[in-house]
């Protein structure tokens, strides 16, 4: 029987994945991102995040987005800019700009403090 050592962290992001500046991966993974995903600037991916697809296209993630631990983003959804997605959420529908979404299945709970958890922001200045 094959077993994965729990201390062995993996980040699976293919080199052809479209990623903006300022990507931050918290705790070194594990993180899995489908090669068809598009990730904007200043996106934080927490540990145990999956952005996947069983069809042709994975999600498009806007700028200044915080994705909490153990989040699964499934198929071709649009995540707006300045969005926070809470821990353990399963995203199967679009999330608009400036929203905080949580739950299984994720739903918008408010529009206050968008993107406040982004660290190490990249800027052109």
N, C-alpha and C. Protein backbone atom coordinates (compact mmCIF):
# COMPACT_ATOMS: atom_id res chain seq x y z
N UNK A 1 0.84 -1.17 0.00
CA UNK A 1 0.00 0.00 0.00
C UNK A 1 0.89 1.24 0.00
N UNK A 2 0.58 2.19 -0.88
CA UNK A 2 1.35 3.43 -0.99
C UNK A 2 0.75 4.47 -0.06
N UNK A 3 1.61 5.18 0.68
CA UNK A 3 1.14 6.21 1.60
C UNK A 3 1.94 7.48 1.38
N UNK A 4 1.25 8.60 1.47
CA UNK A 4 1.91 9.90 1.36
C UNK A 4 2.30 10.37 2.75
N UNK A 5 3.55 10.68 2.92
CA UNK A 5 4.04 11.21 4.18
C UNK A 5 3.33 12.55 4.44
N UNK A 6 2.66 12.73 5.58
CA UNK A 6 1.92 13.97 5.83
C UNK A 6 2.80 15.22 5.87
N UNK A 7 4.09 15.06 6.07
CA UNK A 7 4.98 16.23 6.08
C UNK A 7 5.44 16.59 4.67
N UNK A 8 5.09 15.78 3.68
CA UNK A 8 5.52 16.00 2.31
C UNK A 8 4.53 16.95 1.61
N UNK A 9 4.95 18.16 1.37
CA UNK A 9 4.10 19.17 0.75
C UNK A 9 4.26 19.15 -0.77
N UNK A 10 3.17 19.32 -1.50
CA UNK A 10 3.23 19.34 -2.96
C UNK A 10 2.48 20.56 -3.51
N UNK A 11 3.09 21.18 -4.50
CA UNK A 11 2.44 22.25 -5.23
C UNK A 11 2.43 21.82 -6.68
N UNK A 12 1.23 21.61 -7.22
CA UNK A 12 1.09 21.15 -8.59
C UNK A 12 0.47 22.25 -9.44
N UNK A 13 1.35 23.05 -10.05
CA UNK A 13 0.93 24.11 -10.97
C UNK A 13 1.80 23.97 -12.20
N UNK A 14 1.18 23.70 -13.33
CA UNK A 14 1.94 23.52 -14.57
C UNK A 14 2.51 24.83 -15.07
N UNK A 15 3.60 24.77 -15.79
CA UNK A 15 4.28 25.97 -16.25
C UNK A 15 3.46 26.77 -17.26
N UNK A 16 2.48 26.17 -17.92
CA UNK A 16 1.67 26.90 -18.89
C UNK A 16 0.43 27.53 -18.26
N UNK A 17 0.28 27.46 -16.95
CA UNK A 17 -0.85 28.10 -16.27
C UNK A 17 -0.65 29.61 -16.28
N UNK A 18 -1.68 30.35 -16.63
CA UNK A 18 -1.59 31.81 -16.70
C UNK A 18 -1.75 32.40 -15.31
N UNK A 19 -0.66 33.00 -14.79
CA UNK A 19 -0.63 33.53 -13.43
C UNK A 19 -0.09 34.95 -13.46
N UNK A 20 -0.79 35.87 -12.75
CA UNK A 20 -0.34 37.25 -12.66
C UNK A 20 0.77 37.40 -11.63
N UNK A 21 1.15 38.65 -11.38
CA UNK A 21 2.20 38.97 -10.42
C UNK A 21 1.67 38.85 -8.98
N UNK A 22 2.58 38.57 -8.07
CA UNK A 22 2.25 38.60 -6.65
C UNK A 22 1.52 37.38 -6.13
N UNK A 23 1.64 36.23 -6.79
CA UNK A 23 1.02 35.01 -6.27
C UNK A 23 1.68 34.64 -4.95
N UNK A 24 0.86 34.31 -3.95
CA UNK A 24 1.38 33.91 -2.64
C UNK A 24 0.73 32.57 -2.28
N UNK A 25 1.55 31.60 -1.93
CA UNK A 25 1.04 30.29 -1.52
C UNK A 25 1.37 30.12 -0.04
N UNK A 26 0.33 30.13 0.79
CA UNK A 26 0.51 30.03 2.23
C UNK A 26 0.92 28.64 2.68
N UNK A 27 1.85 28.58 3.60
CA UNK A 27 2.31 27.33 4.21
C UNK A 27 2.91 26.35 3.22
N UNK A 28 3.26 26.81 2.04
CA UNK A 28 3.95 25.95 1.07
C UNK A 28 3.11 24.85 0.46
N UNK A 29 1.81 24.94 0.58
CA UNK A 29 0.95 23.95 -0.06
C UNK A 29 0.39 22.97 0.94
N UNK A 30 -0.15 21.87 0.53
CA UNK A 30 -0.29 21.45 -0.86
C UNK A 30 -1.37 22.26 -1.59
N UNK A 31 -1.11 22.49 -2.87
CA UNK A 31 -1.99 23.25 -3.74
C UNK A 31 -2.01 22.57 -5.10
N UNK A 32 -3.20 22.47 -5.71
CA UNK A 32 -3.33 21.92 -7.05
C UNK A 32 -4.11 22.91 -7.90
N UNK A 33 -3.54 23.31 -9.04
CA UNK A 33 -4.18 24.25 -9.95
C UNK A 33 -4.19 23.66 -11.35
N UNK A 34 -5.37 23.55 -11.94
CA UNK A 34 -5.51 23.05 -13.30
C UNK A 34 -4.80 24.00 -14.26
N UNK A 35 -4.18 23.46 -15.30
CA UNK A 35 -3.40 24.28 -16.24
C UNK A 35 -4.26 25.25 -17.04
N UNK A 36 -5.58 25.06 -17.08
CA UNK A 36 -6.45 25.97 -17.82
C UNK A 36 -6.95 27.12 -16.95
N UNK A 37 -6.61 27.12 -15.68
CA UNK A 37 -7.02 28.21 -14.79
C UNK A 37 -6.28 29.50 -15.17
N UNK A 38 -6.91 30.63 -14.90
CA UNK A 38 -6.30 31.94 -15.09
C UNK A 38 -6.33 32.63 -13.73
N UNK A 39 -5.16 33.03 -13.25
CA UNK A 39 -5.04 33.62 -11.93
C UNK A 39 -4.50 35.04 -12.07
N UNK A 40 -5.20 36.01 -11.48
CA UNK A 40 -4.82 37.41 -11.59
C UNK A 40 -3.67 37.79 -10.67
N UNK A 41 -3.48 39.10 -10.51
CA UNK A 41 -2.42 39.64 -9.66
C UNK A 41 -2.82 39.60 -8.19
N UNK A 42 -1.82 39.41 -7.32
CA UNK A 42 -2.01 39.45 -5.87
C UNK A 42 -3.07 38.46 -5.39
N UNK A 43 -2.91 37.22 -5.78
CA UNK A 43 -3.81 36.16 -5.33
C UNK A 43 -3.09 35.34 -4.27
N UNK A 44 -3.78 35.09 -3.16
CA UNK A 44 -3.26 34.26 -2.09
C UNK A 44 -3.97 32.91 -2.12
N UNK A 45 -3.20 31.85 -2.27
CA UNK A 45 -3.74 30.49 -2.23
C UNK A 45 -3.30 29.86 -0.92
N UNK A 46 -4.23 29.49 -0.08
CA UNK A 46 -3.90 28.86 1.19
C UNK A 46 -3.69 27.37 0.99
N UNK A 47 -3.22 26.70 2.05
CA UNK A 47 -2.95 25.28 1.98
C UNK A 47 -4.22 24.48 1.65
N UNK A 48 -4.02 23.37 0.97
CA UNK A 48 -5.08 22.43 0.58
C UNK A 48 -6.10 23.06 -0.38
N UNK A 49 -5.66 24.01 -1.20
CA UNK A 49 -6.53 24.62 -2.20
C UNK A 49 -6.46 23.83 -3.50
N UNK A 50 -7.63 23.65 -4.13
CA UNK A 50 -7.71 23.01 -5.44
C UNK A 50 -8.52 23.90 -6.37
N UNK A 51 -7.95 24.19 -7.53
CA UNK A 51 -8.68 24.87 -8.60
C UNK A 51 -8.68 23.88 -9.75
N UNK A 52 -9.80 23.22 -9.95
CA UNK A 52 -9.81 22.10 -10.88
C UNK A 52 -10.93 22.13 -11.89
N UNK A 53 -10.86 21.17 -12.81
CA UNK A 53 -11.87 21.02 -13.84
C UNK A 53 -11.80 19.63 -14.43
N UNK A 54 -12.94 19.07 -14.71
CA UNK A 54 -13.01 17.80 -15.43
C UNK A 54 -13.36 18.03 -16.89
N UNK A 55 -13.62 19.28 -17.24
CA UNK A 55 -13.96 19.62 -18.62
C UNK A 55 -12.84 20.45 -19.23
N UNK A 56 -13.17 21.35 -20.11
CA UNK A 56 -12.15 22.08 -20.86
C UNK A 56 -11.49 23.23 -20.10
N UNK A 57 -12.22 23.92 -19.25
CA UNK A 57 -11.67 25.12 -18.62
C UNK A 57 -11.90 25.14 -17.12
N UNK A 58 -10.88 25.56 -16.40
CA UNK A 58 -10.99 25.77 -14.96
C UNK A 58 -11.35 27.23 -14.70
N UNK A 59 -11.31 27.64 -13.47
CA UNK A 59 -11.76 28.98 -13.05
C UNK A 59 -10.86 30.10 -13.55
N UNK A 60 -11.44 31.28 -13.58
CA UNK A 60 -10.71 32.53 -13.78
C UNK A 60 -10.81 33.30 -12.47
N UNK A 61 -9.65 33.64 -11.90
CA UNK A 61 -9.59 34.32 -10.61
C UNK A 61 -9.09 35.73 -10.85
N UNK A 62 -9.82 36.72 -10.33
CA UNK A 62 -9.46 38.13 -10.53
C UNK A 62 -8.26 38.55 -9.71
N UNK A 63 -8.09 39.86 -9.56
CA UNK A 63 -6.97 40.44 -8.81
C UNK A 63 -7.34 40.62 -7.34
N UNK A 64 -6.33 40.57 -6.47
CA UNK A 64 -6.51 40.80 -5.03
C UNK A 64 -7.52 39.83 -4.43
N UNK A 65 -7.29 38.55 -4.61
CA UNK A 65 -8.21 37.52 -4.13
C UNK A 65 -7.51 36.67 -3.07
N UNK A 66 -8.21 36.47 -1.96
CA UNK A 66 -7.74 35.58 -0.90
C UNK A 66 -8.59 34.32 -0.93
N UNK A 67 -7.93 33.17 -1.09
CA UNK A 67 -8.62 31.88 -1.09
C UNK A 67 -8.15 31.13 0.15
N UNK A 68 -9.06 30.88 1.07
CA UNK A 68 -8.74 30.28 2.35
C UNK A 68 -8.35 28.82 2.26
N UNK A 69 -7.95 28.23 3.39
CA UNK A 69 -7.54 26.83 3.42
C UNK A 69 -8.66 25.88 3.03
N UNK A 70 -8.29 24.80 2.37
CA UNK A 70 -9.21 23.71 2.01
C UNK A 70 -10.36 24.16 1.11
N UNK A 71 -10.11 25.12 0.25
CA UNK A 71 -11.13 25.58 -0.70
C UNK A 71 -11.00 24.78 -1.99
N UNK A 72 -12.14 24.41 -2.55
CA UNK A 72 -12.19 23.72 -3.83
C UNK A 72 -13.00 24.56 -4.80
N UNK A 73 -12.38 24.98 -5.88
CA UNK A 73 -13.05 25.76 -6.92
C UNK A 73 -13.20 24.85 -8.13
N UNK A 74 -14.44 24.60 -8.52
CA UNK A 74 -14.73 23.55 -9.48
C UNK A 74 -15.25 24.14 -10.80
N UNK A 75 -14.64 23.72 -11.87
CA UNK A 75 -15.04 24.03 -13.25
C UNK A 75 -14.85 25.50 -13.60
N UNK A 76 -15.51 25.94 -14.65
CA UNK A 76 -15.31 27.23 -15.28
C UNK A 76 -16.13 28.33 -14.60
N UNK A 77 -15.74 28.70 -13.37
CA UNK A 77 -16.41 29.78 -12.67
C UNK A 77 -15.54 31.03 -12.73
N UNK A 78 -16.17 32.17 -12.53
CA UNK A 78 -15.48 33.45 -12.53
C UNK A 78 -15.43 33.98 -11.10
N UNK A 79 -14.23 34.18 -10.60
CA UNK A 79 -14.04 34.78 -9.28
C UNK A 79 -13.63 36.22 -9.53
N UNK A 80 -14.42 37.18 -9.05
CA UNK A 80 -14.13 38.59 -9.30
C UNK A 80 -12.89 39.08 -8.58
N UNK A 81 -12.63 40.37 -8.69
CA UNK A 81 -11.50 41.00 -8.01
C UNK A 81 -11.90 41.42 -6.60
N UNK A 82 -10.90 41.52 -5.72
CA UNK A 82 -11.11 41.93 -4.32
C UNK A 82 -12.08 40.99 -3.60
N UNK A 83 -11.88 39.71 -3.78
CA UNK A 83 -12.77 38.68 -3.23
C UNK A 83 -12.05 37.92 -2.12
N UNK A 84 -12.81 37.53 -1.11
CA UNK A 84 -12.33 36.64 -0.06
C UNK A 84 -13.21 35.40 -0.08
N UNK A 85 -12.57 34.22 -0.13
CA UNK A 85 -13.31 32.96 -0.08
C UNK A 85 -12.89 32.25 1.19
N UNK A 86 -13.85 31.99 2.07
CA UNK A 86 -13.59 31.42 3.38
C UNK A 86 -13.15 29.97 3.35
N UNK A 87 -12.51 29.55 4.41
CA UNK A 87 -11.97 28.20 4.55
C UNK A 87 -13.04 27.14 4.34
N UNK A 88 -12.66 26.09 3.64
CA UNK A 88 -13.54 24.94 3.43
C UNK A 88 -14.64 25.14 2.43
N UNK A 89 -14.65 26.25 1.72
CA UNK A 89 -15.72 26.53 0.76
C UNK A 89 -15.57 25.69 -0.49
N UNK A 90 -16.69 25.36 -1.11
CA UNK A 90 -16.72 24.69 -2.40
C UNK A 90 -17.41 25.65 -3.36
N UNK A 91 -16.66 26.15 -4.32
CA UNK A 91 -17.16 27.18 -5.24
C UNK A 91 -17.57 26.52 -6.55
N UNK A 92 -18.87 26.60 -6.86
CA UNK A 92 -19.39 26.02 -8.10
C UNK A 92 -20.11 27.06 -8.95
N UNK A 93 -20.22 28.30 -8.42
CA UNK A 93 -20.88 29.39 -9.14
C UNK A 93 -20.01 30.63 -9.07
N UNK A 94 -20.23 31.56 -9.99
CA UNK A 94 -19.46 32.80 -10.04
C UNK A 94 -19.57 33.58 -8.73
N UNK A 95 -18.47 34.26 -8.36
CA UNK A 95 -18.43 35.14 -7.20
C UNK A 95 -18.14 36.55 -7.72
N UNK A 96 -19.03 37.54 -7.45
CA UNK A 96 -18.82 38.88 -8.00
C UNK A 96 -17.68 39.63 -7.31
N UNK A 97 -17.26 40.75 -7.91
CA UNK A 97 -16.24 41.62 -7.34
C UNK A 97 -16.61 42.04 -5.92
N UNK A 98 -15.60 42.26 -5.09
CA UNK A 98 -15.74 42.84 -3.75
C UNK A 98 -16.58 42.02 -2.78
N UNK A 99 -16.68 40.73 -3.00
CA UNK A 99 -17.53 39.88 -2.17
C UNK A 99 -16.72 38.98 -1.24
N UNK A 100 -17.34 38.60 -0.15
CA UNK A 100 -16.83 37.55 0.72
C UNK A 100 -17.80 36.39 0.59
N UNK A 101 -17.28 35.22 0.24
CA UNK A 101 -18.13 34.04 0.05
C UNK A 101 -17.64 32.92 0.95
N UNK A 102 -18.57 32.18 1.52
CA UNK A 102 -18.23 31.06 2.39
C UNK A 102 -19.24 29.94 2.21
N UNK A 103 -18.84 28.74 2.61
CA UNK A 103 -19.78 27.63 2.71
C UNK A 103 -19.61 26.57 1.66
N UNK A 104 -20.40 25.53 1.85
CA UNK A 104 -20.44 24.40 0.93
C UNK A 104 -21.90 24.18 0.56
N UNK A 105 -22.27 24.71 -0.47
CA UNK A 105 -21.68 25.42 -1.59
C UNK A 105 -21.55 26.90 -1.25
N UNK A 106 -20.47 27.53 -1.75
CA UNK A 106 -20.15 28.91 -1.39
C UNK A 106 -21.25 29.86 -1.82
N UNK A 107 -21.54 30.80 -0.92
CA UNK A 107 -22.48 31.86 -1.22
C UNK A 107 -21.93 33.17 -0.67
N UNK A 108 -22.32 34.27 -1.27
CA UNK A 108 -21.84 35.58 -0.83
C UNK A 108 -22.53 35.93 0.48
N UNK A 109 -21.72 36.33 1.47
CA UNK A 109 -22.28 36.71 2.77
C UNK A 109 -22.18 38.21 3.04
N UNK A 110 -21.23 38.90 2.39
CA UNK A 110 -21.18 40.35 2.53
C UNK A 110 -20.26 40.96 1.48
N UNK A 111 -20.26 42.30 1.46
CA UNK A 111 -19.40 43.05 0.55
C UNK A 111 -18.53 44.03 1.32
N UNK A 112 -18.26 43.75 2.60
CA UNK A 112 -17.42 44.63 3.40
C UNK A 112 -16.01 44.05 3.50
N UNK A 113 -15.02 44.93 3.56
CA UNK A 113 -13.61 44.54 3.68
C UNK A 113 -13.12 43.62 2.57
N UNK A 114 -13.40 43.92 1.32
CA UNK A 114 -12.97 43.02 0.25
C UNK A 114 -11.45 42.91 0.16
N UNK A 115 -10.96 41.70 -0.01
CA UNK A 115 -9.54 41.47 -0.23
C UNK A 115 -8.64 41.88 0.92
N UNK A 116 -9.15 41.97 2.13
CA UNK A 116 -8.34 42.49 3.24
C UNK A 116 -7.24 41.54 3.68
N UNK A 117 -7.29 40.29 3.32
CA UNK A 117 -6.30 39.32 3.77
C UNK A 117 -5.12 39.15 2.81
N UNK A 118 -5.06 39.94 1.76
CA UNK A 118 -3.97 39.82 0.78
C UNK A 118 -2.66 40.30 1.41
N UNK A 119 -1.64 39.45 1.35
CA UNK A 119 -0.32 39.83 1.86
C UNK A 119 0.67 39.90 0.69
N UNK A 120 1.74 40.62 0.91
CA UNK A 120 2.81 40.73 -0.10
C UNK A 120 2.28 41.26 -1.43
N UNK A 121 1.47 42.31 -1.40
CA UNK A 121 0.90 42.86 -2.63
C UNK A 121 1.99 43.33 -3.58
N UNK A 122 1.81 43.03 -4.83
CA UNK A 122 2.69 43.50 -5.88
C UNK A 122 2.07 44.75 -6.48
N UNK A 123 2.88 45.75 -6.77
CA UNK A 123 2.37 46.94 -7.44
C UNK A 123 3.42 47.46 -8.42
N UNK A 124 2.98 48.32 -9.33
CA UNK A 124 3.84 48.82 -10.40
C UNK A 124 4.68 50.00 -9.94
N UNK A 125 4.51 50.50 -8.76
CA UNK A 125 5.20 51.72 -8.31
C UNK A 125 6.67 51.59 -8.24
